[in-house]
Amino acid sequence: MTEQSGEDRSLSARINQSLAGMSRAERIVAEYLRDHARHAIFATAEQIGGATRTSDATVVRTAKSLGFDGMLDLRRTLAAEVVVETSAVHHFQVDRADDDGDSAIARVFTEAAERLASTWRLVDEDDFAAAVGLLDEAREVLAFGLGGSGLVARYLALRLTRMGRRARASWATGFQLADDLLGLRADDVVVLYTPSRLLAEIEVVLDHARTVGARVLLVSSTLQAQFADRVDVTLTAPQSASNFTGEMLAAEVLTDALVLQLASRDEARSTRASELLTSLRSELVQGGERSAPPKRRRKRQA
């Protein structure tokens, strides 16, 4: 592909220059690529076609209409732009340029409040109720996530276990993930935390859940359309635009809301589990005190 010197060849510029001459389907794909660049890097033409309700042929045709040689050329440009946009140096420069004198704590808490307000607006009451229903009916919940998402997966499993429900978490990759999936059954529920990245492990989890008949709750910022026909319920957890706040902030608060609503469905079970937890902790404290070696008295020097 030959580029003219000094010409803006970013994806946004290409779209602006080509949009008028595109078909409706091509415009949908082009806008999807612009708005979901981070996970489009790893998606196949077929996956992008599924997410946009078009086809893989339309995706390839759109890439060529935008001046790319093909999907590989498109992915290279997307990857380069995403690396720049997400780099620490880029955010430092943007932050310095936009600095209006606010302190770090003010900026962090302002963004956190805005993200949580946005999350609340995006929660569909029917979807939320359906998500709680999935958890309530599950024999066991398998929470899965990678990276920061794995921390929230472990958090959910811990909260559910403390409520007297069967739950476990997996943040495994490679062959270890196969071990974690072995026990999945048809009456189980998978809670899949994945902000916006398409990873091979996610595909494996979804495929295996479908094979055994387990239901899936997806908590994501942008992958709802991508996996719409492979999950039972989705909840939207918006990501940070500036990286001031952690990527899993919205997902963690949604998890708190799910757990609280679930506890209200079976308060007796939650109470029994809480009392047992308190009792076990007391025994551990008392046992530790009993097993502690006695303190030796120092002999007085004559």
Protein backbone atom coordinates (compact mmCIF):
# COMPACT_ATOMS: atom_id res chain seq x y z
CA MET A 1 0.00 0.00 0.00
CA THR A 2 1.42 3.34 -1.03
CA GLU A 3 0.88 6.29 1.29
CA GLN A 4 1.12 9.90 0.24
CA SER A 5 3.63 11.94 2.18
CA GLY A 6 2.07 14.10 4.89
CA GLU A 7 -1.42 12.66 4.40
CA ASP A 8 -3.35 11.62 7.49
CA ARG A 9 -3.79 7.86 7.10
CA SER A 10 -5.35 7.16 10.49
CA LEU A 11 -8.46 5.01 10.54
CA SER A 12 -10.70 7.96 11.43
CA ALA A 13 -9.31 10.00 8.56
CA ARG A 14 -9.80 7.14 6.11
CA ILE A 15 -13.40 6.71 7.24
CA ASN A 16 -14.16 10.42 6.93
CA GLN A 17 -12.73 10.43 3.41
CA SER A 18 -14.52 7.28 2.24
CA LEU A 19 -17.82 7.24 4.13
CA ALA A 20 -19.87 9.04 1.46
CA GLY A 21 -19.05 6.44 -1.18
CA MET A 22 -19.74 3.39 0.99
CA SER A 23 -22.80 1.21 1.07
CA ARG A 24 -24.91 1.15 4.24
CA ALA A 25 -23.39 -2.17 5.34
CA GLU A 26 -19.86 -0.89 4.76
CA ARG A 27 -20.59 2.24 6.81
CA ILE A 28 -21.79 0.08 9.69
CA VAL A 29 -18.57 -1.94 9.60
CA ALA A 30 -16.39 1.16 9.28
CA GLU A 31 -18.03 2.84 12.28
CA TYR A 32 -17.73 -0.39 14.27
CA LEU A 33 -13.99 -0.54 13.52
CA ARG A 34 -13.58 3.06 14.64
CA ASP A 35 -15.53 2.59 17.89
CA HIS A 36 -14.16 -0.86 18.80
CA ALA A 37 -10.59 -0.71 17.60
CA ARG A 38 -9.13 -2.44 20.67
CA HIS A 39 -10.83 -5.77 20.15
CA ALA A 40 -11.15 -5.50 16.35
CA ILE A 41 -7.37 -6.00 16.33
CA PHE A 42 -7.85 -9.62 17.38
CA ALA A 43 -11.15 -10.34 15.61
CA THR A 44 -11.53 -12.24 12.36
CA ALA A 45 -13.56 -10.89 9.46
CA GLU A 46 -16.27 -13.41 10.37
CA GLN A 47 -16.39 -12.24 13.99
CA ILE A 48 -16.62 -8.58 12.99
CA GLY A 49 -19.32 -9.50 10.49
CA GLY A 50 -21.26 -11.22 13.26
CA ALA A 51 -20.91 -8.25 15.60
CA THR A 52 -22.16 -5.84 12.92
CA ARG A 53 -24.82 -8.21 11.52
CA THR A 54 -23.18 -8.08 8.11
CA SER A 55 -20.81 -10.68 6.63
CA ASP A 56 -17.11 -11.47 6.44
CA ALA A 57 -17.16 -10.49 2.76
CA THR A 58 -18.55 -7.07 3.70
CA VAL A 59 -15.82 -6.63 6.31
CA VAL A 60 -13.06 -7.42 3.80
CA ARG A 61 -14.68 -5.15 1.23
CA THR A 62 -14.87 -2.34 3.78
CA ALA A 63 -11.18 -2.72 4.62
CA LYS A 64 -10.30 -2.34 0.95
CA SER A 65 -12.67 0.61 0.56
CA LEU A 66 -10.71 2.29 3.35
CA GLY A 67 -7.47 1.84 1.42
CA PHE A 68 -6.09 -1.25 3.17
CA ASP A 69 -4.64 -4.20 1.29
CA GLY A 70 -6.68 -6.56 3.47
CA MET A 71 -7.42 -7.57 7.04
CA LEU A 72 -3.76 -7.94 8.04
CA ASP A 73 -2.99 -4.43 6.84
CA LEU A 74 -6.06 -3.13 8.71
CA ARG A 75 -5.04 -4.87 11.95
CA ARG A 76 -1.54 -3.40 11.78
CA THR A 77 -2.93 0.13 11.58
CA LEU A 78 -5.42 -0.52 14.38
CA ALA A 79 -2.72 -2.02 16.58
CA ALA A 80 -0.38 0.92 16.02
CA GLU A 81 -3.10 3.44 16.88
CA VAL A 82 -4.26 1.56 19.98
CA VAL A 83 -0.67 1.29 21.27
CA VAL A 84 -0.25 5.06 20.97
CA GLU A 85 -3.64 5.84 22.51
CA THR A 86 -3.12 3.55 25.51
CA SER A 87 0.52 4.37 26.20
CA ALA A 88 1.42 6.06 29.48
CA VAL A 89 3.32 8.80 27.63
CA HIS A 90 0.28 9.60 25.50
CA HIS A 91 -2.01 9.87 28.52
CA PHE A 92 0.54 12.00 30.36
CA GLN A 93 0.72 14.39 27.43
CA VAL A 94 -3.07 14.52 27.05
CA ASP A 95 -3.53 14.99 30.76
CA ARG A 96 -1.00 17.83 30.85
CA ALA A 97 -2.68 19.49 27.86
CA ASP A 98 -6.12 19.21 29.45
CA ASP A 99 -4.96 20.02 32.97
CA ASP A 100 -7.32 22.60 34.42
CA GLY A 101 -5.67 22.73 37.81
CA ASP A 102 -7.66 19.91 39.42
CA SER A 103 -5.79 17.71 41.86
CA ALA A 104 -5.22 14.03 41.15
CA ILE A 105 -7.76 13.00 43.76
CA ALA A 106 -10.41 15.29 42.27
CA ARG A 107 -9.85 13.93 38.78
CA VAL A 108 -9.95 10.29 39.89
CA PHE A 109 -13.09 10.66 41.97
CA THR A 110 -14.80 12.72 39.27
CA GLU A 111 -14.16 10.05 36.66
CA ALA A 112 -15.21 7.28 39.07
CA ALA A 113 -18.50 9.04 39.76
CA GLU A 114 -19.12 9.58 36.05
CA ARG A 115 -18.33 5.96 35.18
CA LEU A 116 -20.62 4.60 37.86
CA ALA A 117 -23.43 6.96 36.84
CA SER A 118 -22.99 5.82 33.24
CA THR A 119 -23.03 2.17 34.34
CA TRP A 120 -26.26 2.69 36.24
CA ARG A 121 -27.90 4.34 33.21
CA LEU A 122 -26.89 1.41 31.01
CA VAL A 123 -28.29 -1.26 33.34
CA ASP A 124 -31.48 -2.73 31.93
CA GLU A 125 -33.72 -3.80 34.83
CA ASP A 126 -34.91 -6.92 33.02
CA ASP A 127 -31.36 -7.97 32.17
CA PHE A 128 -30.25 -7.37 35.75
CA ALA A 129 -33.13 -9.44 37.11
CA ALA A 130 -32.31 -12.20 34.62
CA ALA A 131 -28.67 -12.15 35.73
CA VAL A 132 -29.68 -12.53 39.38
CA GLY A 133 -31.99 -15.36 38.37
CA LEU A 134 -29.14 -17.20 36.66
CA LEU A 135 -26.98 -17.00 39.78
CA ASP A 136 -29.87 -18.05 42.01
CA GLU A 137 -30.65 -21.17 39.97
CA ALA A 138 -27.04 -22.28 39.45
CA ARG A 139 -25.77 -25.48 41.03
CA GLU A 140 -22.34 -23.83 40.91
CA VAL A 141 -21.02 -20.58 39.52
CA LEU A 142 -17.74 -20.48 37.62
CA ALA A 143 -16.42 -16.92 37.43
CA PHE A 144 -13.80 -16.41 34.73
CA GLY A 145 -11.56 -13.50 33.84
CA LEU A 146 -8.00 -12.74 32.84
CA GLY A 147 -5.72 -9.99 34.13
CA GLY A 148 -7.69 -7.43 36.10
CA SER A 149 -10.88 -9.29 35.22
CA GLY A 150 -9.53 -12.29 37.11
CA LEU A 151 -9.49 -10.26 40.31
CA VAL A 152 -13.20 -9.50 39.97
CA ALA A 153 -13.91 -13.14 39.13
CA ARG A 154 -12.21 -14.18 42.39
CA TYR A 155 -14.13 -11.47 44.24
CA LEU A 156 -17.47 -12.79 42.98
CA ALA A 157 -16.59 -16.38 43.89
CA LEU A 158 -15.57 -15.28 47.39
CA ARG A 159 -18.77 -13.30 47.96
CA LEU A 160 -20.96 -16.15 46.75
CA THR A 161 -19.13 -18.71 48.87
CA ARG A 162 -19.61 -16.55 51.95
CA MET A 163 -23.34 -16.53 51.17
CA GLY A 164 -23.46 -20.32 51.29
CA ARG A 165 -23.50 -20.82 47.52
CA ARG A 166 -21.19 -23.00 45.46
CA ALA A 167 -18.76 -20.91 43.45
CA ARG A 168 -15.22 -20.99 42.16
CA ALA A 169 -13.05 -18.73 40.03
CA SER A 170 -10.65 -19.32 37.19
CA TRP A 171 -8.08 -16.99 35.72
CA ALA A 172 -6.15 -19.77 34.01
CA THR A 173 -4.62 -19.79 30.56
CA GLY A 174 -3.33 -22.63 28.42
CA PHE A 175 -3.69 -26.22 29.57
CA GLN A 176 -4.61 -25.20 33.13
CA LEU A 177 -7.86 -23.73 31.83
CA ALA A 178 -8.85 -27.19 30.57
CA ASP A 179 -8.59 -28.51 34.14
CA ASP A 180 -10.82 -25.72 35.44
CA LEU A 181 -13.48 -26.45 32.82
CA LEU A 182 -13.67 -30.19 33.43
CA GLY A 183 -16.26 -29.96 36.21
CA LEU A 184 -18.65 -27.62 34.37
CA ARG A 185 -22.20 -29.03 34.15
CA ALA A 186 -25.47 -28.18 32.47
CA ASP A 187 -26.96 -26.72 35.65
CA ASP A 188 -23.98 -24.41 36.22
CA VAL A 189 -23.53 -20.76 35.27
CA VAL A 190 -20.40 -19.13 33.87
CA VAL A 191 -19.89 -15.45 34.72
CA LEU A 192 -17.51 -14.13 32.10
CA TYR A 193 -15.69 -10.88 32.87
CA THR A 194 -13.99 -9.46 29.79
CA PRO A 195 -13.88 -5.69 29.09
CA SER A 196 -13.12 -5.52 25.36
CA ARG A 197 -10.45 -8.03 24.39
CA LEU A 198 -11.07 -11.09 22.24
CA LEU A 199 -8.86 -13.86 23.58
CA ALA A 200 -8.58 -17.54 22.69
CA GLU A 201 -9.44 -18.57 26.25
CA ILE A 202 -12.77 -16.73 26.07
CA GLU A 203 -13.69 -18.63 22.93
CA VAL A 204 -12.85 -21.93 24.62
CA VAL A 205 -14.93 -21.10 27.70
CA LEU A 206 -17.94 -20.12 25.58
CA ASP A 207 -17.65 -23.17 23.34
CA HIS A 208 -17.41 -25.56 26.30
CA ALA A 209 -20.32 -23.89 28.09
CA ARG A 210 -22.45 -24.40 25.01
CA THR A 211 -21.31 -28.03 24.69
CA VAL A 212 -22.31 -28.98 28.26
CA GLY A 213 -25.38 -26.74 28.33
CA ALA A 214 -24.18 -24.31 31.01
CA ARG A 215 -25.61 -20.80 30.89
CA VAL A 216 -23.45 -17.68 30.58
CA LEU A 217 -23.60 -14.19 32.05
CA LEU A 218 -21.32 -11.75 30.22
CA VAL A 219 -20.04 -8.59 31.94
CA SER A 220 -18.28 -6.47 29.32
CA SER A 221 -17.83 -2.96 28.01
CA THR A 222 -18.04 -3.60 24.26
CA LEU A 223 -18.41 -7.31 23.45
CA GLN A 224 -22.17 -7.64 23.88
CA ALA A 225 -22.88 -7.67 20.14
CA GLN A 226 -19.94 -9.94 19.46
CA PHE A 227 -21.24 -12.69 21.76
CA ALA A 228 -24.98 -11.98 21.69
CA ASP A 229 -25.87 -15.39 20.28
CA ARG A 230 -23.52 -17.27 22.64
CA VAL A 231 -24.51 -15.89 26.07
CA ASP A 232 -27.78 -15.78 28.00
CA VAL A 233 -27.54 -12.37 29.65
CA THR A 234 -25.19 -9.40 29.28
CA LEU A 235 -24.46 -6.47 31.58
CA THR A 236 -22.52 -3.43 30.40
CA ALA A 237 -19.56 -2.21 32.46
CA PRO A 238 -18.07 0.90 30.77
CA GLN A 239 -14.30 1.29 30.70
CA SER A 240 -12.24 4.33 31.63
CA ALA A 241 -11.54 6.82 28.87
CA SER A 242 -8.43 8.18 30.58
CA ASN A 243 -7.15 5.30 32.75
CA PHE A 244 -7.58 7.46 35.88
CA THR A 245 -9.65 4.64 37.38
CA GLY A 246 -9.19 0.87 37.16
CA GLU A 247 -10.66 -0.94 34.17
CA MET A 248 -12.77 -3.20 36.38
CA LEU A 249 -14.35 -0.50 38.57
CA ALA A 250 -17.78 -0.72 36.94
CA ALA A 251 -17.70 -4.52 36.83
CA GLU A 252 -16.90 -4.72 40.54
CA VAL A 253 -19.77 -2.42 41.50
CA LEU A 254 -22.14 -4.40 39.28
CA THR A 255 -20.94 -7.52 41.09
CA ASP A 256 -21.76 -5.94 44.45
CA ALA A 257 -25.27 -5.14 43.21
CA LEU A 258 -25.78 -8.71 41.93
CA VAL A 259 -24.61 -10.22 45.21
CA LEU A 260 -26.79 -7.90 47.31
CA GLN A 261 -29.90 -8.66 45.26
CA LEU A 262 -29.11 -12.38 45.33
CA ALA A 263 -28.75 -12.34 49.13
CA SER A 264 -32.26 -10.90 49.47
CA ARG A 265 -33.68 -13.93 47.66
CA ASP A 266 -32.56 -16.33 50.37
CA GLU A 267 -31.82 -14.38 53.52
CA ALA A 268 -31.90 -17.50 55.70
CA ARG A 269 -29.12 -19.17 53.73
CA SER A 270 -27.00 -16.00 53.73
CA THR A 271 -27.51 -15.60 57.47
CA ARG A 272 -26.53 -19.21 58.22
CA ALA A 273 -23.40 -18.91 56.10
CA SER A 274 -22.46 -15.62 57.76
CA GLU A 275 -22.91 -17.09 61.24
CA LEU A 276 -20.84 -20.15 60.33
CA LEU A 277 -18.09 -17.94 58.93
CA THR A 278 -18.02 -15.89 62.14
CA SER A 279 -17.91 -19.07 64.24
CA LEU A 280 -15.02 -20.54 62.26
CA ARG A 281 -13.08 -17.30 62.51
CA SER A 282 -13.60 -17.25 66.28
CA GLU A 283 -12.32 -20.82 66.60
CA LEU A 284 -9.26 -19.95 64.54
CA VAL A 285 -8.49 -16.96 66.75
CA GLN A 286 -8.93 -18.98 69.95
CA GLY A 287 -6.93 -21.86 68.54
CA GLY A 288 -4.12 -19.52 67.62
CA GLU A 289 -4.06 -18.13 71.15
CA ARG A 290 -3.98 -21.63 72.68
CA SER A 291 -1.16 -22.80 70.46
CA ALA A 292 1.01 -19.74 71.03
CA PRO A 293 4.16 -20.63 73.04
CA PRO A 294 4.23 -19.19 76.57
CA LYS A 295 6.37 -16.14 77.09
CA ARG A 296 9.57 -16.79 79.02
CA ARG A 297 10.37 -14.62 81.97
CA ARG A 298 13.72 -12.99 81.95
CA LYS A 299 15.95 -13.90 84.87
CA ARG A 300 17.00 -11.03 86.98
CA GLN A 301 20.69 -10.51 87.13
CA ALA A 302 22.16 -10.74 90.61
